[in-house]
Amino acid sequence: MPKITYVTHDGIETVVDVAVNETVMRGGVLNGIKGIVAQCGGGASCGTCHVYVDPENTKPLAEMHQVEDELLYFTACERKENSRLSCQLPVTEELDGLVVHLPEKQL
């Protein structure tokens, strides 16, 4: 199973195994990662699973669709160049080692 590292706003790193075909969001929720609210359950309609993909990332990420792109302008914390909705990041074997940073708040 691919390992995904979630880094909280205060720097605490948690590495979890996430099943292929889950999303980075579901992996966080199922493993009790604080900082991923996921109010809409993964429907790309709330923006409460906002993450910052590590700037050093070289892993192949799913293409960002227009709905995700637009929603990222309305998240609780600043949108950055590396912002993504974790519900829109399906986990593949190639994502093993992915690091995502959680914003200070989601709501």
C-alpha atoms as a PDB file:
ATOM      1  CA  MET A   1       0.000   0.000   0.000  1.00  0.00           C
ATOM      2  CA  PRO A   2       1.268   3.484  -0.794  1.00  0.00           C
ATOM      3  CA  LYS A   3       2.400   5.568   2.171  1.00  0.00           C
ATOM      4  CA  ILE A   4       1.159   9.150   2.372  1.00  0.00           C
ATOM      5  CA  THR A   5       2.632  11.649   4.836  1.00  0.00           C
ATOM      6  CA  TYR A   6       0.298  14.254   6.321  1.00  0.00           C
ATOM      7  CA  VAL A   7       2.016  17.234   7.974  1.00  0.00           C
ATOM      8  CA  THR A   8      -0.091  19.366  10.301  1.00  0.00           C
ATOM      9  CA  HIS A   9       0.193  23.143  10.359  1.00  0.00           C
ATOM     10  CA  ASP A  10       2.362  22.867  13.487  1.00  0.00           C
ATOM     11  CA  GLY A  11       4.750  20.403  11.838  1.00  0.00           C
ATOM     12  CA  ILE A  12       3.584  17.030  13.167  1.00  0.00           C
ATOM     13  CA  GLU A  13       4.116  14.329  10.522  1.00  0.00           C
ATOM     14  CA  THR A  14       1.959  11.223  10.324  1.00  0.00           C
ATOM     15  CA  VAL A  15       2.666   8.517   7.757  1.00  0.00           C
ATOM     16  CA  VAL A  16      -0.233   6.223   6.872  1.00  0.00           C
ATOM     17  CA  ASP A  17      -0.867   3.408   4.442  1.00  0.00           C
ATOM     18  CA  VAL A  18      -3.628   4.366   2.014  1.00  0.00           C
ATOM     19  CA  ALA A  19      -5.232   1.812  -0.267  1.00  0.00           C
ATOM     20  CA  VAL A  20      -4.950   2.255  -3.999  1.00  0.00           C
ATOM     21  CA  ASN A  21      -8.143   3.786  -5.445  1.00  0.00           C
ATOM     22  CA  GLU A  22      -8.911   5.673  -2.222  1.00  0.00           C
ATOM     23  CA  THR A  23      -8.219   9.397  -2.189  1.00  0.00           C
ATOM     24  CA  VAL A  24      -5.702  11.321  -0.133  1.00  0.00           C
ATOM     25  CA  MET A  25      -8.728  12.799   1.691  1.00  0.00           C
ATOM     26  CA  ARG A  26     -10.253   9.394   2.560  1.00  0.00           C
ATOM     27  CA  GLY A  27      -6.861   8.136   3.673  1.00  0.00           C
ATOM     28  CA  GLY A  28      -6.625  11.043   6.077  1.00  0.00           C
ATOM     29  CA  VAL A  29     -10.181  10.700   7.377  1.00  0.00           C
ATOM     30  CA  LEU A  30      -9.968   6.914   7.814  1.00  0.00           C
ATOM     31  CA  ASN A  31      -6.728   7.313   9.762  1.00  0.00           C
ATOM     32  CA  GLY A  32      -7.903  10.122  12.038  1.00  0.00           C
ATOM     33  CA  ILE A  33      -5.714  12.855  10.579  1.00  0.00           C
ATOM     34  CA  LYS A  34      -6.718  16.094  12.251  1.00  0.00           C
ATOM     35  CA  GLY A  35      -7.024  18.965   9.813  1.00  0.00           C
ATOM     36  CA  ILE A  36      -9.031  17.273   7.070  1.00  0.00           C
ATOM     37  CA  VAL A  37     -12.692  18.049   7.718  1.00  0.00           C
ATOM     38  CA  ALA A  38     -14.181  16.713   4.462  1.00  0.00           C
ATOM     39  CA  GLN A  39     -17.671  18.063   5.100  1.00  0.00           C
ATOM     40  CA  CYS A  40     -19.012  17.038   1.689  1.00  0.00           C
ATOM     41  CA  GLY A  41     -17.506  13.561   1.862  1.00  0.00           C
ATOM     42  CA  GLY A  42     -15.403  13.952  -1.255  1.00  0.00           C
ATOM     43  CA  GLY A  43     -17.783  15.639  -3.668  1.00  0.00           C
ATOM     44  CA  ALA A  44     -15.518  18.617  -4.432  1.00  0.00           C
ATOM     45  CA  SER A  45     -18.125  21.025  -3.125  1.00  0.00           C
ATOM     46  CA  CYS A  46     -16.905  22.280   0.252  1.00  0.00           C
ATOM     47  CA  GLY A  47     -13.142  22.875   0.122  1.00  0.00           C
ATOM     48  CA  THR A  48     -12.576  21.484   3.651  1.00  0.00           C
ATOM     49  CA  CYS A  49     -10.028  18.916   2.504  1.00  0.00           C
ATOM     50  CA  HIS A  50      -7.627  21.572   1.187  1.00  0.00           C
ATOM     51  CA  VAL A  51      -3.966  20.535   1.315  1.00  0.00           C
ATOM     52  CA  TYR A  52      -0.670  21.918   0.112  1.00  0.00           C
ATOM     53  CA  VAL A  53       1.268  19.319  -1.871  1.00  0.00           C
ATOM     54  CA  ASP A  54       4.888  19.354  -0.749  1.00  0.00           C
ATOM     55  CA  PRO A  55       6.864  21.744  -2.987  1.00  0.00           C
ATOM     56  CA  GLU A  56       9.480  19.035  -3.576  1.00  0.00           C
ATOM     57  CA  ASN A  57       6.857  16.635  -4.961  1.00  0.00           C
ATOM     58  CA  THR A  58       7.756  14.740  -8.117  1.00  0.00           C
ATOM     59  CA  LYS A  59       4.854  12.281  -7.898  1.00  0.00           C
ATOM     60  CA  PRO A  60       2.329  12.272 -10.763  1.00  0.00           C
ATOM     61  CA  LEU A  61      -0.879  13.920  -9.552  1.00  0.00           C
ATOM     62  CA  ALA A  62      -4.303  13.716 -11.137  1.00  0.00           C
ATOM     63  CA  GLU A  63      -5.137  16.636 -13.397  1.00  0.00           C
ATOM     64  CA  MET A  64      -6.931  19.521 -11.703  1.00  0.00           C
ATOM     65  CA  HIS A  65     -10.426  19.973 -13.090  1.00  0.00           C
ATOM     66  CA  GLN A  66     -12.246  23.295 -13.352  1.00  0.00           C
ATOM     67  CA  VAL A  67     -14.522  22.692 -10.340  1.00  0.00           C
ATOM     68  CA  GLU A  68     -11.531  22.029  -8.066  1.00  0.00           C
ATOM     69  CA  ASP A  69      -9.655  24.993  -9.506  1.00  0.00           C
ATOM     70  CA  GLU A  70     -12.551  27.355  -8.802  1.00  0.00           C
ATOM     71  CA  LEU A  71     -13.306  25.982  -5.330  1.00  0.00           C
ATOM     72  CA  LEU A  72      -9.710  26.501  -4.202  1.00  0.00           C
ATOM     73  CA  TYR A  73     -10.315  30.272  -4.345  1.00  0.00           C
ATOM     74  CA  PHE A  74     -12.860  29.920  -1.529  1.00  0.00           C
ATOM     75  CA  THR A  75     -10.968  27.819   1.018  1.00  0.00           C
ATOM     76  CA  ALA A  76     -10.464  29.020   4.591  1.00  0.00           C
ATOM     77  CA  CYS A  77      -6.711  29.425   4.086  1.00  0.00           C
ATOM     78  CA  GLU A  78      -4.804  31.023   1.271  1.00  0.00           C
ATOM     79  CA  ARG A  79      -4.705  29.255  -2.050  1.00  0.00           C
ATOM     80  CA  LYS A  80      -1.132  28.637  -3.148  1.00  0.00           C
ATOM     81  CA  GLU A  81       0.454  27.286  -6.301  1.00  0.00           C
ATOM     82  CA  ASN A  82       0.604  23.831  -4.685  1.00  0.00           C
ATOM     83  CA  SER A  83      -2.971  23.850  -3.305  1.00  0.00           C
ATOM     84  CA  ARG A  84      -5.197  20.865  -4.049  1.00  0.00           C
ATOM     85  CA  LEU A  85      -8.395  19.348  -2.734  1.00  0.00           C
ATOM     86  CA  SER A  86      -7.310  16.032  -1.285  1.00  0.00           C
ATOM     87  CA  CYS A  87     -10.627  14.467  -2.358  1.00  0.00           C
ATOM     88  CA  GLN A  88      -9.493  14.994  -5.936  1.00  0.00           C
ATOM     89  CA  LEU A  89      -6.197  13.145  -5.493  1.00  0.00           C
ATOM     90  CA  PRO A  90      -6.765   9.432  -6.124  1.00  0.00           C
ATOM     91  CA  VAL A  91      -4.095   7.238  -4.582  1.00  0.00           C
ATOM     92  CA  THR A  92      -2.038   5.149  -6.968  1.00  0.00           C
ATOM     93  CA  GLU A  93       1.096   3.062  -6.435  1.00  0.00           C
ATOM     94  CA  GLU A  94       3.045   5.964  -7.976  1.00  0.00           C
ATOM     95  CA  LEU A  95       1.953   8.257  -5.106  1.00  0.00           C
ATOM     96  CA  ASP A  96       3.878   6.189  -2.550  1.00  0.00           C
ATOM     97  CA  GLY A  97       5.830   8.725  -0.501  1.00  0.00           C
ATOM     98  CA  LEU A  98       3.587  11.707  -1.272  1.00  0.00           C
ATOM     99  CA  VAL A  99       3.742  14.451   1.370  1.00  0.00           C
ATOM    100  CA  VAL A 100       0.870  16.868   1.920  1.00  0.00           C
ATOM    101  CA  HIS A 101       0.794  19.802   4.323  1.00  0.00           C
ATOM    102  CA  LEU A 102      -2.423  20.785   6.057  1.00  0.00           C
ATOM    103  CA  PRO A 103      -3.478  24.426   6.278  1.00  0.00           C
ATOM    104  CA  GLU A 104      -3.994  26.160   9.599  1.00  0.00           C
ATOM    105  CA  LYS A 105      -7.771  25.764   9.340  1.00  0.00           C
ATOM    106  CA  GLN A 106     -10.416  24.383   7.014  1.00  0.00           C
ATOM    107  CA  LEU A 107     -13.548  26.256   8.108  1.00  0.00           C
END
